[in-house]
Every structure is written in C-alpha cells, then in structure tokens.
Amino acid sequence: MHVAIIGAGVAGLAVAARLAASGHAVTVLEKDRTPGGKLRERVVAGRAVDVGPTVFTMPDVFEDIFAAAGERMADHLTITRSQTIARHVFADGSRLDLFADQQRSEQAVEAFAGQRAAEEYRDFCLRAKGVHDTLAPIFMRAERPGGPLALVARAGPRGLGGMLRIGAQTTLWRSLSAQFSDPRLRQLFGRYATYNGSSPFLAPATLMLIAHVEQSGVWLIERGMHRLAEALVGLAGRHGAQFRYGAAVEAVETRSGRVAGVRLAGGETVPADVVVANCDANALASGSLGAEVAAAAGSPLPAGERSLSALTAAVVAPASDFPLLRHNVFFSADYKAEFTQILRDRRLPSDPTVYVCAADRDDRGARHEAGPERLFLIINAPADGDTRNFDQREVEACLTAAFSRMEASGFRVDRASASMHLSTPSDFARRFPGTGGALYGRASHGSMASFRRPGSRTSLPGLYLCGGSVHPGAGLPMAALSGKLASDAILADRASTSRSRLAAMPGGMSTRSPATAPSG
C-alpha cells in the first residue's frame, strides 16, 4: 500500500511514522521547506524562536508513536517536567502561579485570594479531573461518536453518572461563575477555552478538562518545540517514509470512485492507494484540493463558526527585570469586553490578554545568559483574514495596547531596540488556505460543536483526514491522536478489504486463506 500524506504537521507525521513502521510505503508532501506545520520556529535577530504551540502536555501520546515503531522517545527527544505551569498577572497588579504539585497550587491560591478560594480551587480540580476521566477513553482517544446518544452508549451504565456531571449543557463561564467567588480565578480558568480557539462565554463547561491536562504535567523540550517535529520526521524516515519539501499539492486525484493519488502544483502526479489530508478540513470542503473531493469532506464551515485566530509577535529585545517564568499570561481588565470586540465587533481587542512565552527562562524563571530576551506573544483575534486585511495601523494599535498592558504590571520591553516578526490573521489565512486564519478549525461553541468536527474517514474511499480541525480537536496531543485514529482506520479498512476479496473468490463462498483453501 502506498500512502501519500498531504502536510508534515504533527498529525501527518504521526500517521507517517505509524504506517511506515507497519511496512507500508509512505510519501509525505509538504509545501514548506521544513516540517511541523503550525509547530515551527522563526529566526529573529539570528536566534530561533518558537512561533507555534509552546506548551507540551500528554507526552504519553507521543511516546506511544515511538513505541508503535519499536523505539523510545527518550532516545531522540529530551523533555523535562516543569515545576510550574504558568505565572498569571492580573490587571490589578496581583500575580498567581500554578504548579505541577496541586498542593502548592492550593497554597498559592489561598495566599492569593483566601481559604474559601483554595477550597473552591480544590473542588474545581476534582471536577476537571472527573470530566477528563469520563471523556478521555470514550471521546478524546476514540473514534468520533455519531452524537451525544452514541457517546452516552459508549459510557455505559457505569459511566452515566459521569456523563451527567460533565457540564455539556452549560457554558464554561457560567460554570466558573458558580465555582469561584473571586472573578480573577474565573478569568484564569476561562482562558482554557482559548486553547482550542473558543470563547469561555460560548464554549461548554466540558473544556475545564484542559485544566486537568495541564495540572497532570507541562514539559519543556530541550532546544525548543520544533525538535518534536524533527524527532517524528526521523522516526518515520528510519522506517522508510519519504519526505518531499516544497511540494505543494494542487488536487487529490480520483479514479473509478476512489482516490488515485495527488497532483502537485508543478503538474507532477504522485500515485497512491491512500491519501491522508493533514490540512484544515475546510480546505477540502471549500474545493482547495479539487472539486472531486470537496463533497467528501462535508459542508464548508461558515465563517461565524470558525475558531479564533491570533496576532503573534516573535520578539528579541532588551526587557526590564520582571520575574517571568517560561509561560506567562497578562490578563486584560475586562475579559467579556475583549471577546465582544473579537467575536461580535470582529476587530483586534483594544485591551488584550497577552500570553508570553519567555524562551530563555526555565520553569523557575532563571536565565542562563544575559542580553536581549526571546519572547513569543500571542493575542486572540478574529478569523477574518480571508475577507479583510489587518493593516499596519490596526495591528500597531493592538500591539501598543499589549505592551502597555505588560508595562502596567511592571514588565517593559524596549520596543525601540527590538527585532520583531509579526503574524496576523491575514498571514495565517494565506499560510493555511480555507481557514480565514482560524488556527483550531471549528470553534467549540455550544454542546454540539465537538460532534460536528469530521472524523478520520470520508465518503470517498481511500481519502482520510487528520489534524487539529478534525476529531478529537486542536492542540499538539489531540492532533497526534487524530493521526493515530487515521492510521488505525486505514489499517482496519485495508484488512477489511483484504477479507472481502477473499470472501468473493470465484467458485464458492470460502473465506479461508489461499494456503488452506482446497485446490480446484
């Protein structure tokens, strides 16, 4: 079986490694010059800065990819568990650190907001764990269910109580408002909705499970996040996978009602028995890879149902002596107003929440070398990059507000001496066709949104999907799990097809193998 994989993002790399290790011929076609997809780095002032995902969780998902190929991730990638999750800085100047040790976090919350808040936090952690433990085996790590009733059926009688408690029918913000008496804690844990590009005011309370995922461990990858993509490329390559960079796919080709390969932008055809599209599912549905396969990917995603985009800044600059950790969040003064501007008014926020990854800091905030700091800033933005241009004036106003927000808390970046690379929703829309700049596929707004993400299989035989826009969702571990689900589906369908061919042998109904079937 020859498999052509469109895109060398994490999900495509997971499929490549698994299928190559299973003995199949694999060709990965990537339009960029390097692997990783959204997991990429940018050289700024001569220094590499991670400009994609910066938080590494659920390492067991990636260890499983290596184990399936008979190898150990630890032999190819050095990761260290962080003792801190993040430093959170609020508009009133207060700060709260969360830790890998839940008891330390409880003590920090008590010092921050009192004993009642610590008790509320302890109860929240139990609830988040309950949601995670209920959904992980039947949703996150399983094939996409047909709908809520199918999910309940998977849970079974023993899991029914957990299903009733996951909070799918209420919003995360409403749940947090009932959970926490301190509004700053609502804002902190509401931010987890943005991890898959959603608003806490519209997303279901089930997204509190992300808090448990982080509490279970955040890891630091030695020499940066892009090493993960390189390690997966190496794994797949050692098992025979071929990688072609600068190879943009123009269309998926079909013959006799099933896929036959792909056509590259230069006109070359790459024959394949199976094609795996590791691109945004809406690119297929919108016809970006040919009209013949558009219907197989489902209906195009309405613009109003897209996830968030972002304004990002990779910065190398002198900065004030502020106690940054590796992961930091500077919160806006009015969270609801921020999301109203983004989702209703469709503009960059005037007072944004700013995530800052300080690449030169460790989990305790220590720096091991002097000089300008490497910083990566992320600001939530509307995914309208295909319908309007985010011009310099609007971007500059938002950036000024972001740096002012940080400076008000005591962290000043010397912009006059900074080297900076910006990406706007317009840039992301050009980089990822069919998205408008949305970075996470469909937004998780409402209780049914997660069921509307496409699964691995499509209606076109031989065409499969993986990536952050398909089930089980966005984020590095979820994308990798989508790759596992796609490879499992391919292997299962291949085995089923082989059995069907044997069952249809001329001269009888025998399903025995040719080695044991009687001769004529």
Protein backbone atom coordinates (compact mmCIF):
# COMPACT_ATOMS: atom_id res chain seq x y z
CA MET A 1 0.00 0.00 0.00
CA HIS A 2 1.37 3.41 -0.96
CA VAL A 3 0.16 6.27 1.23
CA ALA A 4 0.52 9.94 0.26
CA ILE A 5 0.23 12.34 3.18
CA ILE A 6 -0.55 15.98 2.45
CA GLY A 7 1.20 18.10 5.05
CA ALA A 8 4.01 17.43 7.51
CA GLY A 9 2.19 18.79 10.55
CA VAL A 10 2.24 16.76 13.77
CA ALA A 11 -0.81 14.70 12.79
CA GLY A 12 0.65 13.85 9.37
CA LEU A 13 3.96 12.92 10.97
CA ALA A 14 2.14 10.62 13.41
CA VAL A 15 0.40 8.86 10.51
CA ALA A 16 3.68 8.61 8.58
CA ALA A 17 5.55 7.03 11.48
CA ARG A 18 2.81 4.53 12.28
CA LEU A 19 2.16 3.39 8.71
CA ALA A 20 5.82 3.27 7.74
CA ALA A 21 6.54 1.15 10.82
CA SER A 22 3.69 -1.15 9.70
CA GLY A 23 5.58 -1.81 6.48
CA HIS A 24 3.73 0.46 4.08
CA ALA A 25 5.26 2.86 1.57
CA VAL A 26 4.74 6.44 2.75
CA THR A 27 5.40 9.74 0.97
CA VAL A 28 4.89 12.99 2.87
CA LEU A 29 4.31 16.06 0.69
CA GLU A 30 4.91 19.39 2.41
CA LYS A 31 4.60 22.78 0.70
CA ASP A 32 7.00 24.44 3.14
CA ARG A 33 10.74 23.84 3.36
CA THR A 34 10.58 22.41 6.87
CA PRO A 35 8.24 20.01 8.72
CA GLY A 36 5.95 20.82 11.63
CA GLY A 37 3.01 22.73 10.16
CA LYS A 38 1.95 25.15 12.91
CA LEU A 39 4.77 23.72 15.04
CA ARG A 40 7.51 25.91 13.63
CA GLU A 41 10.24 28.33 14.57
CA ARG A 42 11.37 31.66 13.18
CA VAL A 43 14.86 33.16 13.20
CA VAL A 44 14.75 36.67 14.68
CA ALA A 45 17.96 38.64 15.13
CA GLY A 46 19.89 35.45 14.44
CA ARG A 47 18.09 33.44 17.13
CA ALA A 48 15.44 30.74 16.73
CA VAL A 49 12.08 31.50 18.37
CA ASP A 50 9.18 29.03 18.61
CA VAL A 51 6.24 30.68 16.81
CA GLY A 52 3.63 27.93 17.12
CA PRO A 53 2.50 25.77 20.04
CA THR A 54 4.67 26.39 23.10
CA VAL A 55 3.08 24.12 25.71
CA PHE A 56 3.88 20.40 25.68
CA THR A 57 1.42 18.14 27.51
CA MET A 58 0.34 14.48 27.39
CA PRO A 59 3.77 13.12 26.40
CA ASP A 60 2.38 9.57 26.59
CA VAL A 61 0.61 10.26 23.27
CA PHE A 62 3.97 10.83 21.60
CA GLU A 63 5.74 8.06 23.49
CA ASP A 64 3.11 5.73 22.04
CA ILE A 65 4.02 6.78 18.49
CA PHE A 66 7.65 5.83 19.09
CA ALA A 67 6.68 2.61 20.90
CA ALA A 68 4.47 1.57 17.97
CA ALA A 69 7.60 1.82 15.80
CA GLY A 70 9.70 -0.15 18.28
CA GLU A 71 11.62 2.83 19.62
CA ARG A 72 11.80 5.07 22.71
CA MET A 73 11.05 8.77 22.51
CA ALA A 74 13.60 9.40 25.27
CA ASP A 75 16.36 8.24 22.92
CA HIS A 76 15.57 11.04 20.46
CA LEU A 77 13.98 13.87 22.45
CA THR A 78 14.91 15.35 25.82
CA ILE A 79 11.95 16.59 27.85
CA THR A 80 11.81 17.84 31.45
CA ARG A 81 8.72 18.20 33.54
CA SER A 82 8.16 21.81 34.54
CA GLN A 83 7.60 22.52 38.23
CA THR A 84 5.43 25.50 37.33
CA ILE A 85 2.50 25.62 34.92
CA ALA A 86 2.32 29.38 34.37
CA ARG A 87 2.53 32.79 36.01
CA HIS A 88 -0.72 34.76 35.78
CA VAL A 89 -0.64 38.55 36.09
CA PHE A 90 -3.93 40.42 36.54
CA ALA A 91 -4.94 43.96 35.67
CA ASP A 92 -4.95 44.95 39.35
CA GLY A 93 -1.27 44.01 39.61
CA SER A 94 -1.80 40.77 41.53
CA ARG A 95 0.02 37.58 40.49
CA LEU A 96 -0.75 33.88 40.84
CA ASP A 97 1.47 30.95 39.92
CA LEU A 98 0.09 27.47 39.35
CA PHE A 99 2.33 24.48 39.93
CA ALA A 100 2.70 20.86 38.88
CA ASP A 101 2.13 20.00 42.55
CA GLN A 102 -1.56 20.62 43.21
CA GLN A 103 -0.96 21.17 46.92
CA ARG A 104 1.46 24.00 46.11
CA SER A 105 -1.17 25.49 43.80
CA GLU A 106 -3.78 25.30 46.57
CA GLN A 107 -1.42 27.12 48.92
CA ALA A 108 -0.74 29.75 46.26
CA VAL A 109 -4.46 30.26 45.65
CA GLU A 110 -5.06 30.62 49.40
CA ALA A 111 -2.32 33.26 49.69
CA PHE A 112 -3.76 34.96 46.60
CA ALA A 113 -7.47 35.01 47.42
CA GLY A 114 -8.11 33.33 50.77
CA GLN A 115 -9.14 29.99 52.23
CA ARG A 116 -12.53 29.93 50.52
CA ALA A 117 -10.86 30.33 47.12
CA ALA A 118 -8.46 27.48 47.93
CA GLU A 119 -11.40 25.22 48.74
CA GLU A 120 -13.13 26.27 45.52
CA TYR A 121 -9.96 25.52 43.59
CA ARG A 122 -9.65 22.07 45.19
CA ASP A 123 -13.24 21.29 44.22
CA PHE A 124 -12.64 22.60 40.70
CA CYS A 125 -9.64 20.29 40.25
CA LEU A 126 -11.81 17.32 41.23
CA ARG A 127 -14.49 18.37 38.75
CA ALA A 128 -11.98 18.91 35.94
CA LYS A 129 -10.44 15.50 36.61
CA GLY A 130 -13.89 13.91 36.56
CA VAL A 131 -14.69 15.45 33.18
CA HIS A 132 -11.33 14.36 31.79
CA ASP A 133 -11.57 10.81 33.11
CA THR A 134 -15.09 10.47 31.71
CA LEU A 135 -14.31 11.77 28.22
CA ALA A 136 -10.73 10.62 27.62
CA PRO A 137 -11.45 6.94 26.86
CA ILE A 138 -14.76 7.40 25.03
CA PHE A 139 -14.16 10.63 23.15
CA MET A 140 -10.61 12.05 23.12
CA ARG A 141 -8.86 8.75 22.41
CA ALA A 142 -11.65 7.04 20.48
CA GLU A 143 -13.26 7.35 17.07
CA ARG A 144 -15.62 10.26 16.65
CA PRO A 145 -19.04 9.26 18.04
CA GLY A 146 -22.13 9.82 15.94
CA GLY A 147 -23.61 12.20 18.51
CA PRO A 148 -24.42 12.66 22.20
CA LEU A 149 -26.51 9.48 22.39
CA ALA A 150 -23.68 7.42 20.90
CA LEU A 151 -21.31 8.95 23.45
CA VAL A 152 -23.68 8.04 26.30
CA ALA A 153 -23.90 4.50 24.92
CA ARG A 154 -20.10 4.27 24.95
CA ALA A 155 -20.02 5.41 28.56
CA GLY A 156 -22.38 2.57 29.51
CA PRO A 157 -24.40 2.31 32.73
CA ARG A 158 -21.33 2.74 34.92
CA GLY A 159 -20.34 5.94 33.17
CA LEU A 160 -23.76 7.53 33.08
CA GLY A 161 -23.21 9.48 36.31
CA GLY A 162 -20.01 10.96 34.96
CA MET A 163 -21.74 11.94 31.72
CA LEU A 164 -24.41 13.80 33.67
CA ARG A 165 -21.74 15.78 35.51
CA ILE A 166 -19.53 16.90 32.62
CA GLY A 167 -21.41 20.17 32.04
CA ALA A 168 -22.03 19.90 28.31
CA GLN A 169 -25.27 21.90 28.54
CA THR A 170 -23.83 24.97 30.25
CA THR A 171 -21.05 27.36 29.29
CA LEU A 172 -17.62 27.29 30.83
CA TRP A 173 -18.01 30.85 32.07
CA ARG A 174 -21.35 30.14 33.74
CA SER A 175 -19.87 27.10 35.42
CA LEU A 176 -16.80 29.02 36.59
CA SER A 177 -19.00 31.85 37.90
CA ALA A 178 -20.79 29.34 40.10
CA GLN A 179 -17.50 27.70 41.09
CA PHE A 180 -15.32 30.69 42.01
CA SER A 181 -16.24 33.67 44.16
CA ASP A 182 -13.11 35.58 43.03
CA PRO A 183 -13.56 36.96 39.47
CA ARG A 184 -9.82 36.70 38.78
CA LEU A 185 -9.99 32.91 39.11
CA ARG A 186 -12.93 32.81 36.69
CA GLN A 187 -10.80 34.73 34.20
CA LEU A 188 -7.79 32.45 34.73
CA PHE A 189 -9.64 29.19 34.18
CA GLY A 190 -11.89 30.66 31.50
CA ARG A 191 -8.77 31.17 29.39
CA TYR A 192 -8.53 27.41 28.86
CA ALA A 193 -11.31 27.71 26.28
CA THR A 194 -8.88 29.63 24.08
CA TYR A 195 -6.60 26.56 23.95
CA ASN A 196 -8.85 25.29 21.16
CA GLY A 197 -9.76 28.71 19.84
CA SER A 198 -13.03 29.25 21.67
CA SER A 199 -14.65 31.84 23.89
CA PRO A 200 -15.26 30.90 27.54
CA PHE A 201 -18.60 32.70 27.25
CA LEU A 202 -19.79 30.33 24.48
CA ALA A 203 -17.82 27.10 24.98
CA PRO A 204 -19.25 24.23 27.06
CA ALA A 205 -18.06 23.61 30.60
CA THR A 206 -16.52 20.32 29.44
CA LEU A 207 -13.45 22.34 28.41
CA MET A 208 -12.46 22.53 32.06
CA LEU A 209 -10.79 19.17 31.38
CA ILE A 210 -7.92 21.16 29.82
CA ALA A 211 -7.10 22.46 33.29
CA HIS A 212 -6.66 18.87 34.43
CA VAL A 213 -4.44 18.07 31.44
CA GLU A 214 -2.08 20.90 32.39
CA GLN A 215 -2.25 20.00 36.09
CA SER A 216 -1.18 16.50 35.07
CA GLY A 217 2.04 17.90 33.66
CA VAL A 218 3.64 20.51 31.42
CA TRP A 219 7.00 19.58 29.91
CA LEU A 220 9.84 21.61 28.42
CA ILE A 221 11.54 20.31 25.27
CA GLU A 222 15.27 20.86 25.16
CA ARG A 223 16.27 23.27 22.35
CA GLY A 224 12.67 24.20 21.56
CA MET A 225 9.35 22.78 20.46
CA HIS A 226 10.38 22.27 16.85
CA ARG A 227 12.61 19.41 17.97
CA LEU A 228 9.42 17.37 18.36
CA ALA A 229 8.68 17.66 14.64
CA GLU A 230 12.27 16.77 13.80
CA ALA A 231 12.14 13.71 16.06
CA LEU A 232 8.95 12.47 14.38
CA VAL A 233 10.45 13.00 10.92
CA GLY A 234 13.49 10.99 11.99
CA LEU A 235 11.29 8.20 13.35
CA ALA A 236 9.23 7.93 10.17
CA GLY A 237 12.34 8.21 7.99
CA ARG A 238 14.11 5.38 9.76
CA HIS A 239 11.18 3.16 8.78
CA GLY A 240 11.29 4.18 5.14
CA ALA A 241 8.99 7.19 4.88
CA GLN A 242 9.99 9.64 2.16
CA PHE A 243 9.69 13.40 2.68
CA ARG A 244 9.36 15.93 -0.12
CA TYR A 245 9.52 19.59 0.87
CA GLY A 246 8.47 22.47 -1.35
CA ALA A 247 5.90 20.08 -2.82
CA ALA A 248 2.55 21.88 -2.78
CA VAL A 249 -0.43 19.64 -3.54
CA GLU A 250 -2.85 21.14 -6.04
CA ALA A 251 -5.50 18.42 -6.11
CA VAL A 252 -6.44 14.94 -4.95
CA GLU A 253 -6.98 12.75 -7.99
CA THR A 254 -9.61 10.04 -8.28
CA ARG A 255 -10.28 7.05 -10.50
CA SER A 256 -13.28 4.69 -10.55
CA GLY A 257 -14.80 6.28 -7.46
CA ARG A 258 -11.77 6.23 -5.17
CA VAL A 259 -8.55 8.19 -4.71
CA ALA A 260 -5.71 7.50 -7.13
CA GLY A 261 -3.08 9.95 -5.86
CA VAL A 262 -2.34 13.65 -5.80
CA ARG A 263 -1.30 16.26 -8.35
CA LEU A 264 1.39 18.74 -7.37
CA ALA A 265 1.38 22.41 -8.26
CA GLY A 266 4.01 21.82 -10.95
CA GLY A 267 1.81 19.23 -12.68
CA GLU A 268 3.53 16.08 -11.38
CA THR A 269 1.24 13.24 -10.31
CA VAL A 270 2.09 11.11 -7.27
CA PRO A 271 0.11 7.85 -7.46
CA ALA A 272 -1.23 6.50 -4.15
CA ASP A 273 -3.65 3.88 -2.87
CA VAL A 274 -4.46 6.07 0.13
CA VAL A 275 -4.32 9.85 0.61
CA VAL A 276 -4.27 11.39 4.07
CA ALA A 277 -5.08 15.11 4.17
CA ASN A 278 -3.29 16.72 7.10
CA CYS A 279 -4.67 20.15 6.32
CA ASP A 280 -7.66 22.08 7.57
CA ALA A 281 -10.75 20.06 6.65
CA ASN A 282 -12.38 23.21 5.36
CA ALA A 283 -9.68 23.48 2.68
CA LEU A 284 -11.05 20.27 1.17
CA ALA A 285 -14.69 21.21 1.73
CA SER A 286 -14.10 24.59 0.06
CA GLY A 287 -12.60 22.95 -3.04
CA SER A 288 -8.96 23.92 -2.42
CA LEU A 289 -7.81 20.42 -3.40
CA GLY A 290 -10.24 19.87 -6.26
CA ALA A 291 -13.96 19.75 -6.80
CA GLU A 292 -13.99 15.95 -6.92
CA VAL A 293 -13.08 15.58 -3.25
CA ALA A 294 -14.87 18.67 -1.89
CA ALA A 295 -18.09 16.79 -1.18
CA ALA A 296 -16.22 14.03 0.65
CA ALA A 297 -15.06 16.48 3.33
CA GLY A 298 -18.59 17.66 4.18
CA SER A 299 -20.09 21.13 4.03
CA PRO A 300 -17.83 24.19 4.16
CA LEU A 301 -17.54 25.72 7.63
CA PRO A 302 -19.48 29.00 7.94
CA ALA A 303 -17.21 31.91 8.82
CA GLY A 304 -19.14 32.53 12.04
CA GLU A 305 -18.29 29.05 13.32
CA ARG A 306 -14.54 29.37 12.91
CA SER A 307 -12.24 29.24 15.90
CA LEU A 308 -10.10 32.16 16.96
CA SER A 309 -7.12 33.40 15.01
CA ALA A 310 -4.22 35.31 16.56
CA LEU A 311 -1.90 38.24 16.31
CA THR A 312 1.54 36.90 17.23
CA ALA A 313 4.90 38.57 17.74
CA ALA A 314 8.26 36.83 17.88
CA VAL A 315 10.49 39.32 19.67
CA VAL A 316 14.16 39.56 20.57
CA ALA A 317 14.61 42.62 22.77
CA PRO A 318 16.05 44.03 25.97
CA ALA A 319 13.47 43.87 28.76
CA SER A 320 13.09 45.06 32.33
CA ASP A 321 13.97 42.88 35.28
CA PHE A 322 10.50 41.35 35.65
CA PRO A 323 10.17 37.83 37.14
CA LEU A 324 8.96 36.00 34.06
CA LEU A 325 8.61 32.23 34.00
CA ARG A 326 8.63 30.17 30.79
CA HIS A 327 4.84 30.60 30.44
CA ASN A 328 3.14 33.87 31.46
CA VAL A 329 -0.29 35.43 30.99
CA PHE A 330 -1.07 39.13 31.37
CA PHE A 331 -4.86 39.44 31.68
CA SER A 332 -7.00 42.27 30.33
CA ALA A 333 -9.11 44.36 32.68
CA ASP A 334 -12.43 43.25 31.12
CA TYR A 335 -12.46 39.73 29.70
CA LYS A 336 -16.03 39.87 28.38
CA ALA A 337 -15.38 43.15 26.55
CA GLU A 338 -12.28 41.59 24.98
CA PHE A 339 -14.26 38.70 23.48
CA THR A 340 -17.09 41.01 22.43
CA GLN A 341 -14.63 43.03 20.38
CA ILE A 342 -13.15 39.89 18.81
CA LEU A 343 -16.29 37.87 18.07
CA ARG A 344 -19.05 40.47 17.72
CA ASP A 345 -17.21 43.56 16.51
CA ARG A 346 -14.67 41.44 14.53
CA ARG A 347 -11.65 43.53 15.45
CA LEU A 348 -8.44 43.25 17.38
CA PRO A 349 -9.01 43.91 21.09
CA SER A 350 -8.20 47.36 22.50
CA ASP A 351 -7.11 45.83 25.82
CA PRO A 352 -5.88 42.33 25.01
CA THR A 353 -4.93 39.43 27.22
CA VAL A 354 -1.32 38.63 26.30
CA TYR A 355 0.34 35.23 26.55
CA VAL A 356 4.13 35.46 26.71
CA CYS A 357 6.47 32.51 26.25
CA ALA A 358 9.88 33.52 27.58
CA ALA A 359 12.10 31.05 25.74
CA ASP A 360 15.24 31.99 27.69
CA ARG A 361 13.63 31.31 31.08
CA ASP A 362 13.31 27.96 32.79
CA ASP A 363 10.35 26.80 34.89
CA ARG A 364 11.64 28.77 37.88
CA GLY A 365 12.32 31.96 35.93
CA ALA A 366 16.09 31.66 35.85
CA ARG A 367 18.07 32.98 32.87
CA HIS A 368 21.36 31.38 32.00
CA GLU A 369 22.67 34.14 29.74
CA ALA A 370 22.44 37.91 29.65
CA GLY A 371 21.36 40.11 26.77
CA PRO A 372 18.11 40.55 24.84
CA GLU A 373 15.32 38.09 25.60
CA ARG A 374 13.49 35.82 23.18
CA LEU A 375 9.75 36.32 23.65
CA PHE A 376 6.73 34.99 21.82
CA LEU A 377 3.47 36.89 22.29
CA ILE A 378 0.00 35.60 21.39
CA ILE A 379 -3.12 37.79 21.29
CA ASN A 380 -6.54 36.38 20.37
CA ALA A 381 -8.01 37.74 17.14
CA PRO A 382 -10.98 37.20 14.79
CA ALA A 383 -10.51 34.70 11.94
CA ASP A 384 -11.35 37.13 9.14
CA GLY A 385 -8.04 37.01 7.32
CA ASP A 386 -9.64 35.96 4.04
CA THR A 387 -12.17 38.77 3.90
CA ARG A 388 -10.16 41.77 5.08
CA ASN A 389 -6.61 42.86 5.63
CA PHE A 390 -5.38 43.52 9.13
CA ASP A 391 -3.49 46.68 8.26
CA GLN A 392 -0.48 48.17 9.97
CA ARG A 393 -2.46 50.82 11.82
CA GLU A 394 -4.85 48.33 13.45
CA VAL A 395 -2.05 45.90 14.28
CA GLU A 396 0.13 48.64 15.77
CA ALA A 397 -2.72 49.88 17.98
CA CYS A 398 -3.27 46.38 19.36
CA LEU A 399 0.45 45.79 19.88
CA THR A 400 0.81 49.10 21.70
CA ALA A 401 -2.06 48.13 23.96
CA ALA A 402 -0.47 44.73 24.60
CA PHE A 403 2.91 46.20 25.55
CA SER A 404 1.12 48.81 27.70
CA ARG A 405 -0.77 46.04 29.48
CA MET A 406 2.50 44.30 30.32
CA GLU A 407 4.22 47.54 31.29
CA ALA A 408 1.38 48.41 33.67
CA SER A 409 2.27 45.21 35.51
CA GLY A 410 5.95 46.06 35.66
CA PHE A 411 7.25 44.25 32.56
CA ARG A 412 8.69 46.64 30.00
CA VAL A 413 10.03 45.58 26.60
CA ASP A 414 12.36 48.01 24.84
CA ARG A 415 10.49 48.20 21.53
CA ALA A 416 12.91 50.76 20.12
CA SER A 417 15.70 48.17 20.27
CA ALA A 418 13.56 45.15 19.44
CA SER A 419 13.74 42.85 16.46
CA MET A 420 10.27 41.53 15.77
CA HIS A 421 8.38 39.25 13.38
CA LEU A 422 4.58 39.62 13.30
CA SER A 423 1.86 37.28 12.04
CA THR A 424 -1.72 38.47 11.62
CA PRO A 425 -4.94 36.60 10.79
CA SER A 426 -4.32 37.63 7.16
CA ASP A 427 -0.92 35.94 7.26
CA PHE A 428 -2.40 32.77 8.77
CA ALA A 429 -5.18 32.78 6.14
CA ARG A 430 -2.56 32.78 3.39
CA ARG A 431 -0.48 30.12 5.10
CA PHE A 432 -3.42 27.82 5.82
CA PRO A 433 -5.93 28.01 2.92
CA GLY A 434 -9.62 27.62 3.68
CA THR A 435 -9.31 28.83 7.28
CA GLY A 436 -9.59 32.61 7.19
CA GLY A 437 -6.76 32.43 9.72
CA ALA A 438 -8.63 30.19 12.18
CA LEU A 439 -5.97 28.17 13.98
CA TYR A 440 -8.12 25.46 15.51
CA GLY A 441 -10.76 24.50 12.94
CA ARG A 442 -14.33 24.79 14.23
CA ALA A 443 -14.86 26.73 17.47
CA SER A 444 -16.20 24.67 20.38
CA HIS A 445 -19.24 26.88 20.84
CA GLY A 446 -22.31 25.04 22.09
CA SER A 447 -22.78 21.47 23.22
CA MET A 448 -22.88 20.02 19.68
CA ALA A 449 -19.79 21.65 18.16
CA SER A 450 -17.40 18.83 19.06
CA PHE A 451 -19.64 16.32 17.29
CA ARG A 452 -19.55 18.39 14.10
CA ARG A 453 -15.81 18.02 13.61
CA PRO A 454 -15.18 15.47 10.86
CA GLY A 455 -13.70 12.09 11.71
CA SER A 456 -10.84 10.21 10.08
CA ARG A 457 -12.88 8.58 7.33
CA THR A 458 -14.55 10.40 4.44
CA SER A 459 -17.20 9.28 1.95
CA LEU A 460 -14.51 8.89 -0.74
CA PRO A 461 -12.75 5.51 -0.49
CA GLY A 462 -9.05 5.94 0.17
CA LEU A 463 -9.29 9.53 1.47
CA TYR A 464 -8.69 10.12 5.18
CA LEU A 465 -8.37 13.23 7.37
CA CYS A 466 -6.20 14.14 10.32
CA GLY A 467 -5.09 17.31 12.07
CA GLY A 468 -6.35 19.88 14.54
CA SER A 469 -9.53 20.63 12.56
CA VAL A 470 -10.81 17.04 12.83
CA HIS A 471 -11.76 14.84 15.78
CA PRO A 472 -10.67 14.87 18.59
CA GLY A 473 -9.67 18.52 18.25
CA ALA A 474 -6.92 21.10 18.36
CA GLY A 475 -3.62 21.13 20.22
CA LEU A 476 -0.48 19.03 19.82
CA PRO A 477 -1.64 15.88 21.65
CA MET A 478 -5.09 15.98 20.06
CA ALA A 479 -3.58 16.39 16.59
CA ALA A 480 -1.28 13.44 17.27
CA LEU A 481 -4.27 11.40 18.45
CA SER A 482 -6.08 12.27 15.22
CA GLY A 483 -3.09 10.80 13.40
CA LYS A 484 -3.41 7.60 15.40
CA LEU A 485 -7.13 7.38 14.65
CA ALA A 486 -6.47 7.94 10.93
CA SER A 487 -3.76 5.26 10.77
CA ASP A 488 -5.96 2.84 12.73
CA ALA A 489 -8.82 3.48 10.30
CA ILE A 490 -6.57 2.95 7.27
CA LEU A 491 -5.19 -0.33 8.59
CA ALA A 492 -8.63 -1.58 9.64
CA ASP A 493 -10.15 -0.71 6.26
CA ARG A 494 -7.23 -2.32 4.47
CA ALA A 495 -7.70 -5.53 6.46
CA SER A 496 -11.45 -5.46 5.85
CA THR A 497 -10.93 -5.02 2.10
CA SER A 498 -8.49 -7.94 2.01
CA ARG A 499 -11.00 -10.20 3.78
CA SER A 500 -13.77 -9.11 1.42
CA ARG A 501 -11.66 -10.00 -1.61
CA LEU A 502 -11.01 -13.48 -0.21
CA ALA A 503 -14.69 -13.99 0.51
CA ALA A 504 -15.54 -13.18 -3.12
CA MET A 505 -13.24 -15.78 -4.70
CA PRO A 506 -14.79 -17.43 -7.81
CA GLY A 507 -16.22 -20.93 -7.38
CA GLY A 508 -17.53 -20.76 -3.84
CA MET A 509 -18.08 -18.84 -0.59
CA SER A 510 -14.94 -19.90 1.27
CA THR A 511 -13.27 -17.18 3.37
CA ARG A 512 -10.20 -19.28 4.14
CA SER A 513 -6.79 -18.05 3.00
CA PRO A 514 -5.40 -19.37 -0.31
CA ALA A 515 -2.93 -21.51 1.65
CA THR A 516 -5.73 -23.56 3.23
CA ALA A 517 -8.41 -23.38 0.55
CA PRO A 518 -8.91 -26.56 -1.50
CA SER A 519 -7.43 -26.59 -4.99
CA GLY A 520 -9.72 -26.96 -7.99
